[in-house]
Protein backbone atom coordinates (compact mmCIF):
# COMPACT_ATOMS: atom_id res chain seq x y z
CA MET A 1 46.09 59.98 115.91
CA SER A 2 47.24 56.34 116.23
CA ASP A 3 48.06 54.73 119.59
CA ASP A 4 51.78 54.68 118.66
CA SER A 5 51.66 58.40 117.96
CA ALA A 6 49.85 59.26 121.16
CA ASP A 7 52.19 57.20 123.31
CA ASN A 8 55.25 58.67 121.68
CA SER A 9 54.00 62.24 122.10
CA LYS A 10 53.09 61.54 125.71
CA ILE A 11 56.55 60.17 126.51
CA LYS A 12 58.15 63.22 125.01
CA ARG A 13 55.91 65.64 126.90
CA ASP A 14 56.30 63.75 130.20
CA LYS A 15 60.07 63.76 129.93
CA SER A 16 60.18 67.49 129.17
CA PHE A 17 57.80 68.22 132.04
CA SER A 18 59.91 66.12 134.45
CA ASP A 19 63.00 68.10 133.48
CA LEU A 20 61.17 71.32 134.25
CA LEU A 21 60.14 70.06 137.69
CA ASP A 22 63.75 69.18 138.49
CA ALA A 23 64.81 72.65 137.44
CA TYR A 24 62.05 74.09 139.62
CA SER A 25 63.27 72.17 142.65
CA SER A 26 66.94 73.12 142.35
CA GLU A 27 67.16 76.55 140.80
CA ASN A 28 63.76 78.16 140.50
CA LYS A 29 62.11 77.71 143.89
CA GLU A 30 61.03 81.32 143.94
CA LYS A 31 59.19 81.00 140.63
CA SER A 32 55.58 80.00 140.56
CA PHE A 33 54.38 76.70 139.20
CA GLU A 34 52.23 78.63 136.76
CA HIS A 35 55.30 80.43 135.42
CA LEU A 36 57.00 77.10 134.83
CA LEU A 37 54.05 75.83 132.85
CA ASP A 38 54.16 78.98 130.75
CA SER A 39 57.87 78.45 130.10
CA TYR A 40 57.16 74.86 129.13
CA SER A 41 54.73 76.04 126.49
CA THR A 42 56.92 78.92 125.29
CA GLY A 43 58.80 77.96 122.14
CA MET A 44 57.07 74.58 122.06
CA ASN A 45 53.78 75.65 120.56
CA GLU A 46 54.72 77.52 117.45
CA ASP A 47 52.01 78.79 115.14
CA ILE A 48 51.87 75.80 112.78
CA LYS A 49 49.14 75.95 110.18
CA ILE A 50 48.01 73.98 107.14
CA GLY A 51 50.23 74.51 104.15
CA ASP A 52 53.42 75.17 106.11
CA LYS A 53 56.51 73.41 104.89
CA ILE A 54 58.51 72.28 107.88
CA GLU A 55 61.80 70.48 108.36
CA GLY A 56 61.86 67.97 111.20
CA GLU A 57 63.94 65.14 112.55
CA ILE A 58 62.62 61.58 112.44
CA ILE A 59 62.27 60.43 116.06
CA SER A 60 60.56 57.08 115.50
CA ILE A 61 59.65 54.73 112.65
CA GLY A 62 56.64 52.48 113.18
CA GLN A 63 55.23 49.77 110.96
CA ASP A 64 52.99 52.17 109.06
CA THR A 65 53.72 55.56 110.59
CA VAL A 66 56.75 57.84 110.84
CA PHE A 67 56.99 60.31 113.74
CA ILE A 68 58.70 63.65 113.19
CA ASP A 69 59.80 66.28 115.67
CA THR A 70 57.98 69.47 114.61
CA LYS A 71 59.70 71.58 117.30
CA SER A 72 56.34 72.09 118.90
CA LYS A 73 54.58 70.32 121.79
CA ILE A 74 52.93 67.99 119.28
CA ASP A 75 54.92 65.56 117.13
CA GLY A 76 54.01 65.22 113.48
CA THR A 77 53.04 61.98 111.76
CA ALA A 78 53.36 60.84 108.16
CA GLU A 79 52.35 57.67 106.40
CA LYS A 80 55.40 55.50 105.80
CA LYS A 81 54.19 54.33 102.40
CA GLU A 82 54.10 57.92 101.14
CA LEU A 83 57.81 58.35 101.85
CA LEU A 84 58.99 55.35 99.82
CA ASP A 85 61.45 56.04 97.00
CA GLU A 86 61.12 55.10 93.32
CA ASN A 87 62.26 51.56 94.11
CA GLY A 88 59.58 51.10 96.77
CA GLU A 89 62.09 51.27 99.63
CA PHE A 90 62.05 53.46 102.72
CA PRO A 91 65.26 55.51 102.50
CA TYR A 92 65.25 57.16 105.96
CA SER A 93 66.51 56.33 109.45
CA VAL A 94 65.89 57.72 112.92
CA GLY A 95 67.71 61.04 113.22
CA ASP A 96 67.38 61.97 109.53
CA SER A 97 65.90 65.35 108.63
CA ILE A 98 62.99 65.53 106.24
CA GLU A 99 60.90 68.33 104.71
CA LEU A 100 57.12 67.83 104.57
CA TYR A 101 53.93 69.88 104.27
CA VAL A 102 51.33 70.29 107.02
CA VAL A 103 48.09 68.88 105.59
CA SER A 104 46.13 68.69 108.85
CA CYS A 105 46.62 70.40 112.16
CA ASN A 106 44.68 70.59 115.44
CA GLU A 107 45.34 70.60 119.19
CA SER A 108 46.11 66.88 119.27
CA GLU A 109 47.55 66.04 115.88
CA ILE A 110 49.81 67.37 113.11
CA VAL A 111 49.61 65.34 109.91
CA LEU A 112 52.50 65.76 107.46
CA SER A 113 52.73 64.75 103.82
CA LYS A 114 54.74 65.26 100.65
CA ALA A 115 51.49 66.05 98.84
CA LEU A 116 47.74 65.65 99.11
CA SER A 117 46.49 62.49 97.45
CA GLY A 118 43.64 60.00 97.43
CA ILE A 119 39.96 60.77 97.70
CA GLY A 120 39.05 64.16 99.09
CA GLY A 121 36.35 66.73 98.93
CA LEU A 122 36.49 70.20 97.50
CA ASN A 123 37.54 71.57 100.88
CA ILE A 124 40.73 69.50 100.69
CA LEU A 125 41.60 71.03 97.32
CA GLN A 126 40.75 74.48 98.60
CA ASP A 127 43.10 73.96 101.56
CA ALA A 128 45.82 72.81 99.15
CA TYR A 129 45.23 75.82 96.89
CA SER A 130 45.25 78.41 99.64
CA GLY A 131 48.05 76.73 101.58
CA LYS A 132 50.14 76.04 98.45
CA ILE A 133 50.31 72.34 99.27
CA PRO A 134 51.30 69.98 96.44
CA VAL A 135 48.70 67.49 95.30
CA GLU A 136 49.31 64.14 93.69
CA GLY A 137 47.74 63.48 90.33
CA LYS A 138 47.72 60.92 87.54
CA VAL A 139 48.04 62.04 83.92
CA LEU A 140 45.00 60.59 82.13
CA ALA A 141 45.47 61.78 78.56
CA THR A 142 46.75 64.52 76.30
CA CYS A 143 44.40 67.21 75.11
CA LYS A 144 44.51 70.45 73.17
CA GLY A 145 47.14 72.62 74.81
CA GLY A 146 48.01 70.22 77.62
CA PHE A 147 46.93 67.24 79.70
CA HIS A 148 43.94 65.92 81.63
CA VAL A 149 45.08 65.01 85.14
CA GLU A 150 43.06 63.29 87.88
CA VAL A 151 43.54 64.77 91.38
CA THR A 152 41.47 63.39 94.30
CA LYS A 153 39.01 61.93 91.80
CA ARG A 154 38.58 65.29 90.08
CA LYS A 155 39.65 66.12 86.52
CA CYS A 156 42.13 68.96 86.29
CA PHE A 157 43.94 70.65 83.42
CA CYS A 158 47.72 71.05 83.18
CA PRO A 159 48.99 73.24 80.29
CA VAL A 160 51.74 71.59 78.28
CA SER A 161 54.14 74.40 79.24
CA GLN A 162 53.51 73.62 82.92
CA MET A 163 54.18 69.88 82.78
CA ASP A 164 57.98 70.16 82.73
CA ILE A 165 60.87 72.61 82.74
CA LYS A 166 62.22 71.31 79.46
CA TYR A 167 60.52 71.51 76.08
CA ILE A 168 58.16 68.56 75.54
CA ASP A 169 58.58 66.81 72.20
CA THR A 170 56.47 63.73 72.97
CA PRO A 171 53.57 64.51 75.34
CA GLU A 172 52.44 60.86 75.21
CA GLU A 173 55.39 59.86 77.42
CA TYR A 174 53.71 61.54 80.43
CA VAL A 175 50.37 59.72 80.12
CA GLY A 176 49.69 57.14 82.84
CA LYS A 177 52.32 58.50 85.24
CA ASN A 178 51.82 60.01 88.69
CA TYR A 179 53.33 63.37 89.54
CA GLN A 180 53.01 66.07 92.15
CA PHE A 181 51.32 69.30 91.09
CA MET A 182 50.55 72.71 92.52
CA ILE A 183 47.02 74.10 92.11
CA THR A 184 47.31 77.45 90.33
CA ARG A 185 43.60 78.11 89.72
CA LEU A 186 40.48 76.85 91.51
CA GLU A 187 37.23 78.33 90.17
CA GLU A 188 33.54 77.59 89.55
CA ASN A 189 33.20 75.54 92.71
CA GLY A 190 35.87 73.10 91.60
CA ARG A 191 34.77 72.71 87.99
CA ASN A 192 37.77 74.68 86.68
CA ILE A 193 41.01 73.49 88.25
CA VAL A 194 44.34 74.33 86.66
CA ILE A 195 47.51 72.75 88.00
CA SER A 196 51.25 73.05 87.35
CA ARG A 197 54.09 70.61 87.81
CA ARG A 198 56.62 73.13 86.53
CA VAL A 199 56.20 75.32 89.62
CA LEU A 200 57.34 72.50 91.88
CA LEU A 201 60.22 71.55 89.57
CA GLU A 202 61.41 75.16 89.53
CA GLN A 203 61.25 75.33 93.32
CA GLU A 204 63.22 72.11 93.56
CA LEU A 205 65.70 73.38 90.98
CA GLU A 206 66.24 76.61 92.90
CA GLU A 207 66.97 74.63 96.04
CA GLN A 208 69.47 72.46 94.16
CA LYS A 209 71.13 75.53 92.64
CA LYS A 210 71.34 77.23 96.02
CA GLU A 211 72.90 74.14 97.58
CA PHE A 212 75.38 73.72 94.73
CA LEU A 213 76.45 77.38 94.68
CA LYS A 214 76.99 77.34 98.43
CA ASP A 215 80.24 75.39 98.06
CA LEU A 216 81.28 76.74 94.66
CA SER A 217 84.51 78.74 94.64
CA SER A 218 87.28 79.84 92.27
CA GLY A 219 90.01 77.30 91.64
CA THR A 220 87.87 74.24 92.32
CA LEU A 221 87.64 71.33 89.85
CA HIS A 222 84.28 70.10 88.56
CA THR A 223 82.87 67.84 85.86
CA GLY A 224 80.22 69.18 83.49
CA ARG A 225 78.38 68.57 80.24
CA VAL A 226 78.83 70.66 77.10
CA THR A 227 75.43 72.14 76.25
CA ARG A 228 76.16 74.71 73.53
CA LEU A 229 78.96 75.65 71.15
CA LEU A 230 79.33 79.23 69.92
CA PRO A 231 82.05 80.91 67.82
CA TYR A 232 83.63 82.43 70.93
CA GLY A 233 83.41 79.47 73.30
CA ALA A 234 81.40 76.68 74.90
CA PHE A 235 78.74 76.52 77.64
CA VAL A 236 79.09 73.76 80.21
CA GLU A 237 76.36 72.64 82.61
CA LEU A 238 77.84 72.11 86.09
CA SER A 239 74.56 71.25 87.82
CA SER A 240 70.87 71.44 86.93
CA GLY A 241 70.25 75.06 85.95
CA ILE A 242 73.87 76.13 86.54
CA GLU A 243 76.02 76.82 83.46
CA GLY A 244 79.44 78.33 82.98
CA MET A 245 81.20 79.61 79.88
CA VAL A 246 84.56 78.39 78.58
CA HIS A 247 86.16 80.98 76.30
CA ILE A 248 87.76 79.52 73.16
CA SER A 249 91.19 80.46 74.53
CA GLU A 250 90.52 78.27 77.60
CA ILE A 251 89.30 75.16 75.76
CA ALA A 252 92.71 73.69 74.88
CA TRP A 253 96.38 74.49 75.10
CA SER A 254 96.49 74.07 71.32
CA ARG A 255 95.39 76.82 68.95
CA LEU A 256 91.75 76.45 67.90
CA GLU A 257 89.97 78.12 65.01
CA LYS A 258 86.56 77.23 66.46
CA PRO A 259 85.31 75.37 69.57
CA ASP A 260 83.97 72.37 67.66
CA ASP A 261 87.53 71.57 66.59
CA ALA A 262 87.91 70.14 70.11
CA LEU A 263 84.39 69.70 71.57
CA GLN A 264 80.97 68.34 70.77
CA VAL A 265 77.62 68.93 72.47
CA ASN A 266 77.02 66.46 75.36
CA ASP A 267 80.75 65.86 75.87
CA MET A 268 81.61 65.38 79.56
CA VAL A 269 84.60 67.58 80.49
CA ASP A 270 86.63 68.50 83.56
CA VAL A 271 86.72 72.24 84.22
CA VAL A 272 88.32 74.64 86.67
CA ILE A 273 86.30 77.56 88.06
CA LEU A 274 88.10 80.76 87.07
CA GLU A 275 85.68 83.43 88.29
CA ILE A 276 82.20 83.76 89.80
CA LYS A 277 80.34 87.05 89.31
CA GLN A 278 77.04 87.62 91.08
CA THR A 279 74.17 89.09 89.06
CA ASP A 280 70.81 90.65 89.93
CA LYS A 281 69.23 87.22 89.33
CA PRO A 282 69.21 84.99 92.42
CA ASN A 283 71.17 81.74 92.11
CA GLN A 284 72.26 82.74 88.60
CA PRO A 285 75.86 84.03 88.69
CA LYS A 286 78.16 84.37 85.69
CA ILE A 287 80.76 81.63 85.90
CA SER A 288 83.98 81.58 83.87
CA LEU A 289 85.50 78.15 83.31
CA SER A 290 88.66 76.61 81.88
CA ILE A 291 89.01 73.16 80.38
CA LYS A 292 92.71 73.39 79.55
CA GLN A 293 93.73 74.34 83.09
CA ALA A 294 92.03 71.23 84.42
CA SER A 295 94.71 69.15 82.69
CA GLY A 296 97.68 71.28 83.79
CA ASP A 297 100.14 73.42 81.82
CA PRO A 298 102.07 71.19 79.37
CA TRP A 299 105.11 73.49 79.69
CA ASP A 300 105.51 72.43 83.32
CA SER A 301 106.53 68.94 82.24
CA ILE A 302 108.10 69.56 78.83
CA ASN A 303 111.62 68.64 79.97
CA LYS A 304 110.33 65.28 81.19
CA LYS A 305 108.73 64.56 77.84
CA PHE A 306 111.21 65.99 75.32
CA ASN A 307 114.96 66.39 75.00
CA ARG A 308 117.25 68.17 72.61
CA GLY A 309 117.97 65.97 69.59
CA ASP A 310 114.71 63.98 69.85
CA LYS A 311 113.03 63.15 66.57
CA VAL A 312 109.26 63.57 66.94
CA THR A 313 106.12 63.92 64.84
CA GLY A 314 104.02 67.09 64.84
CA THR A 315 101.25 68.93 63.05
CA VAL A 316 101.82 72.14 61.10
CA LYS A 317 99.61 74.82 62.67
CA LYS A 318 100.66 77.99 60.87
CA CYS A 319 102.98 79.11 58.08
CA THR A 320 104.70 82.51 58.08
CA ASP A 321 107.30 84.33 55.99
CA PHE A 322 110.08 83.15 58.31
CA GLY A 323 109.00 79.55 58.88
CA ALA A 324 106.29 77.21 60.17
CA PHE A 325 104.87 76.53 63.63
CA VAL A 326 104.57 72.82 64.39
CA GLU A 327 102.67 71.40 67.38
CA ILE A 328 104.61 68.45 68.81
CA SER A 329 102.25 67.95 71.79
CA PRO A 330 98.96 69.60 72.88
CA GLY A 331 99.91 73.13 73.83
CA ILE A 332 103.56 72.76 72.77
CA GLU A 333 104.42 74.46 69.48
CA GLY A 334 107.87 74.91 68.02
CA LEU A 335 109.20 76.96 65.14
CA VAL A 336 110.83 75.46 62.08
CA HIS A 337 112.80 78.38 60.66
CA ILE A 338 112.87 78.61 56.88
CA SER A 339 116.59 77.81 57.00
CA GLU A 340 115.75 74.50 58.70
CA MET A 341 113.27 73.41 56.06
CA SER A 342 115.49 71.48 53.65
CA TYR A 343 119.02 70.44 52.82
CA ILE A 344 117.97 69.55 49.30
CA LYS A 345 116.76 72.86 47.93
CA ARG A 346 116.67 76.54 48.71
CA ILE A 347 113.36 77.50 50.35
CA LEU A 348 111.86 80.93 49.69
CA LYS A 349 108.64 80.40 51.68
CA ALA A 350 107.40 77.77 54.14
CA GLU A 351 104.41 76.81 51.97
CA ASP A 352 106.84 75.40 49.39
CA VAL A 353 107.58 72.59 51.83
CA VAL A 354 104.63 72.25 54.25
CA SER A 355 101.03 73.39 54.70
CA PRO A 356 98.76 73.81 57.77
CA GLY A 357 97.30 70.52 58.98
CA GLU A 358 100.12 68.45 57.52
CA THR A 359 101.94 65.92 59.73
CA VAL A 360 105.73 66.21 59.61
CA SER A 361 108.78 64.72 61.30
CA VAL A 362 111.04 67.18 63.09
CA VAL A 363 114.15 67.16 65.26
CA ILE A 364 114.19 69.23 68.47
CA LYS A 365 117.17 71.57 68.28
CA GLU A 366 116.56 73.67 71.41
CA ILE A 367 114.07 74.02 74.32
CA ASP A 368 113.77 77.34 76.17
CA THR A 369 111.29 76.88 79.05
CA LYS A 370 111.64 80.47 80.30
CA LYS A 371 110.65 81.98 76.95
CA ARG A 372 108.38 78.97 76.20
CA ARG A 373 110.06 78.40 72.84
CA VAL A 374 111.10 75.27 70.95
CA SER A 375 113.35 75.32 67.89
CA LEU A 376 112.71 72.54 65.37
CA SER A 377 114.24 71.26 62.15
CA ILE A 378 112.60 69.39 59.32
CA ARG A 379 115.80 69.00 57.32
CA ASP A 380 117.60 67.28 60.21
CA ALA A 381 114.73 64.80 60.47
CA GLU A 382 115.07 63.97 56.78
CA GLY A 383 118.83 63.51 57.10
CA ASP A 384 121.86 65.55 56.08
CA PRO A 385 123.31 64.31 52.77
CA TRP A 386 126.68 65.87 53.74
CA LEU A 387 127.14 63.39 56.59
CA ASP A 388 128.39 60.64 54.31
CA ILE A 389 129.72 62.86 51.48
CA LYS A 390 133.27 61.45 51.68
CA GLY A 391 131.94 57.95 51.24
CA LYS A 392 130.26 58.94 47.98
CA TYR A 393 132.69 61.35 46.35
CA THR A 394 136.48 61.55 45.96
CA VAL A 395 138.83 64.05 44.35
CA GLY A 396 139.25 63.31 40.64
CA GLN A 397 136.01 61.35 40.43
CA GLY A 398 133.86 62.00 37.34
CA VAL A 399 130.18 62.67 37.95
CA THR A 400 127.17 63.81 35.96
CA GLY A 401 125.08 66.62 37.37
CA THR A 402 122.40 69.12 36.43
CA ILE A 403 123.02 72.82 35.92
CA GLU A 404 120.99 74.55 38.65
CA LYS A 405 122.01 78.11 37.95
CA LYS A 406 124.40 79.96 35.64
CA GLU A 407 126.18 82.88 37.27
CA ARG A 408 128.76 85.35 36.01
CA PHE A 409 131.47 83.62 38.07
CA GLY A 410 130.47 80.05 37.23
CA TYR A 411 127.82 77.34 37.17
CA PHE A 412 126.13 75.68 40.17
CA ILE A 413 125.84 71.97 39.45
CA ILE A 414 123.45 69.68 41.41
CA LEU A 415 125.22 66.37 41.93
CA GLU A 416 122.34 64.90 43.99
CA PRO A 417 119.51 66.32 46.14
CA GLY A 418 121.17 68.50 48.75
CA ILE A 419 124.66 68.34 47.22
CA THR A 420 125.63 71.20 44.91
CA GLY A 421 129.09 71.97 43.50
CA LEU A 422 130.53 75.04 41.77
CA LEU A 423 132.16 74.90 38.34
CA PRO A 424 134.11 78.21 38.20
CA LYS A 425 134.17 80.32 35.04
CA SER A 426 137.95 80.09 35.03
CA LYS A 427 137.73 76.30 34.71
CA ILE A 428 135.23 76.54 31.85
CA VAL A 429 137.53 78.87 29.90
CA GLN A 430 140.42 76.42 30.31
CA SER A 431 138.36 73.51 29.03
CA HIS A 432 138.88 71.83 25.64
CA ASP A 433 135.68 73.39 24.21
CA PRO A 434 134.40 76.35 26.30
CA SER A 435 131.76 77.35 23.77
CA ALA A 436 130.08 73.93 23.94
CA ILE A 437 129.73 74.26 27.71
CA GLU A 438 128.56 77.87 27.54
CA LYS A 439 125.74 76.84 25.19
CA LEU A 440 124.26 74.58 27.87
CA LYS A 441 121.14 75.86 29.66
CA GLU A 442 119.85 75.61 33.25
CA GLY A 443 118.40 72.14 33.69
CA ASP A 444 120.79 70.54 31.20
CA GLN A 445 123.08 67.74 32.31
CA ILE A 446 126.87 68.07 32.29
CA THR A 447 129.74 65.73 33.09
CA VAL A 448 132.33 67.17 35.51
CA SER A 449 135.01 65.94 37.89
CA ILE A 450 135.63 66.61 41.60
CA GLU A 451 138.46 69.07 42.27
CA ASN A 452 138.04 69.60 46.03
CA ILE A 453 135.63 68.73 48.91
CA ASP A 454 135.32 71.01 51.98
CA THR A 455 132.91 69.33 54.45
CA LYS A 456 133.21 72.11 57.06
CA GLU A 457 132.17 74.81 54.61
CA ARG A 458 129.88 72.35 52.79
CA LYS A 459 131.45 73.23 49.44
CA ILE A 460 132.56 71.18 46.41
CA SER A 461 134.77 72.62 43.63
CA LEU A 462 134.39 71.11 40.16
CA LEU A 463 136.44 70.82 36.97
CA THR A 464 135.35 70.38 33.39
CA SER A 465 135.36 67.00 31.73
CA ASP A 466 138.93 67.62 30.47
CA SER A 467 140.10 66.21 33.77
CA LEU A 468 138.35 62.88 33.26
CA ASP A 469 140.39 59.68 32.91
CA GLY A 470 141.84 58.72 29.54
CA ASP A 471 139.17 56.38 28.29
CA ASN A 472 136.34 58.74 29.08
CA TRP A 473 138.21 61.68 27.60
CA LYS A 474 138.82 59.73 24.38
CA LYS A 475 135.12 59.02 24.20
CA TYR A 476 134.34 62.71 24.83
CA THR A 477 136.86 63.74 22.13
CA LYS A 478 135.58 61.18 19.65
CA ASP A 479 132.03 62.35 20.14
CA SER A 480 133.17 65.92 19.68
CA GLU A 481 135.06 65.10 16.48
CA THR A 482 132.06 63.26 15.14
CA SER A 483 129.92 66.26 15.83
CA VAL A 484 132.41 68.67 14.18
CA GLY A 485 132.82 66.37 11.12
CA SER A 486 129.13 66.12 10.63
CA LEU A 487 128.81 69.88 10.81
CA GLY A 488 131.59 70.37 8.24
CA GLU A 489 129.99 67.88 5.89
CA LYS A 490 126.69 69.69 6.09
CA LEU A 491 128.35 73.04 5.38
CA LYS A 492 130.10 71.59 2.32
CA GLN A 493 126.82 70.18 0.97
CA ALA A 494 125.11 73.54 1.39
CA MET A 495 127.89 75.36 -0.51
CA ASP A 496 127.64 72.85 -3.37
CA ARG A 497 123.91 73.46 -3.70
CA GLN A 498 124.50 77.21 -3.87
CA LYS A 499 126.99 76.78 -6.73
CA LYS A 500 124.63 74.62 -8.75
CA GLY A 501 121.92 77.12 -8.30
CA ALA A 502 124.17 79.88 -9.55
């Protein structure tokens, strides 16, 4: 033991002994001095042996040595250089707790270390093997099935499966590096030494998992990494060795066909702990997670984001017999009823107008937060052609339209997209040439005039071309006469040919 160590231990023992003498003088006069010495030793001389892993508080930091309270009558010492971090800095202060292994122990000294290292005889390795003390080794080279590692100037073998917890793709990356190992086999007087780094990593991982799970509870928010995607959900790593599962219904407020519509492996996501179920495996509970709940329910703020009459853009999610569901915001879907599809044409099914995945403009007609429903309209977003109907059409005006449908009671005539008028059968019969009109087919054009416009009922009554102004009627009549004359001439020529043939 160094002079610093001896002095420090002596101060500690002297102070404790002085306290006992004071207690003897004031409260324990009837007790023997021998009894006091026994009480001084009781609880202060625990059975510490090589290989024990102890947790102690740093009581002093010297130039080269760190002194640790071992909760026994002898303080422990550790080399300061062995406790440096990866950056070569000493990360501890007086009062910090630290876990170390007992590598040497006698009546006057307890030597602590993170692992055995340096030059040592076979007895040192045997102590490390029996006491389960980590040893420090340097990876020399790869070999068949694993690695050659030098430990205390002896060549050891580490199987490739025991070098790390994860699968090793490139063994060469480990060569030349120093790691801590546990001796798992020591045979043939030290000629066959097998070591494992994985054992230590698993122990460290279990400690990390235990510490993480200690404060884990339902309802808490955490950040994790997506590790796997399956048809029914996604697995998210919360901490090393701790994973939870997000069911597909808890990935997003929007409807998803499969998890990879919203996630990719290695994505960092915020999650809420829904449930923790303990299993028969220590530190390995089943954890249910939610990604969508980490962002809050979009319906809670819908009235702040949308209002009745707003024109917005959305994505068609699903088509049904009665309409289409359009997502106007993540988790907010509204229904466009088939009657709200178009002003221009009659819609028999939603797929005639839209298809899933298509982006459309809609107008919000109603928001019902209690029932979580939104009514939408595509036709209102496109514009109602009836709004400015009086500016386009007047009574008596002549227009040309297309016969949409011929019914027993009259013809429906399309004047423009979304504007259809009715030419009643009674008006056709009263026309100058009913038969000419009746010969027309659906899709044919016809010239008519406006009889009446009812904007409230969205109806237009039509007349035949007889009601057109004089000039247009003369043209219509002239064309008709020309057609009749030509037909008569052709009939006459045919009769003449028949006579000649006779």
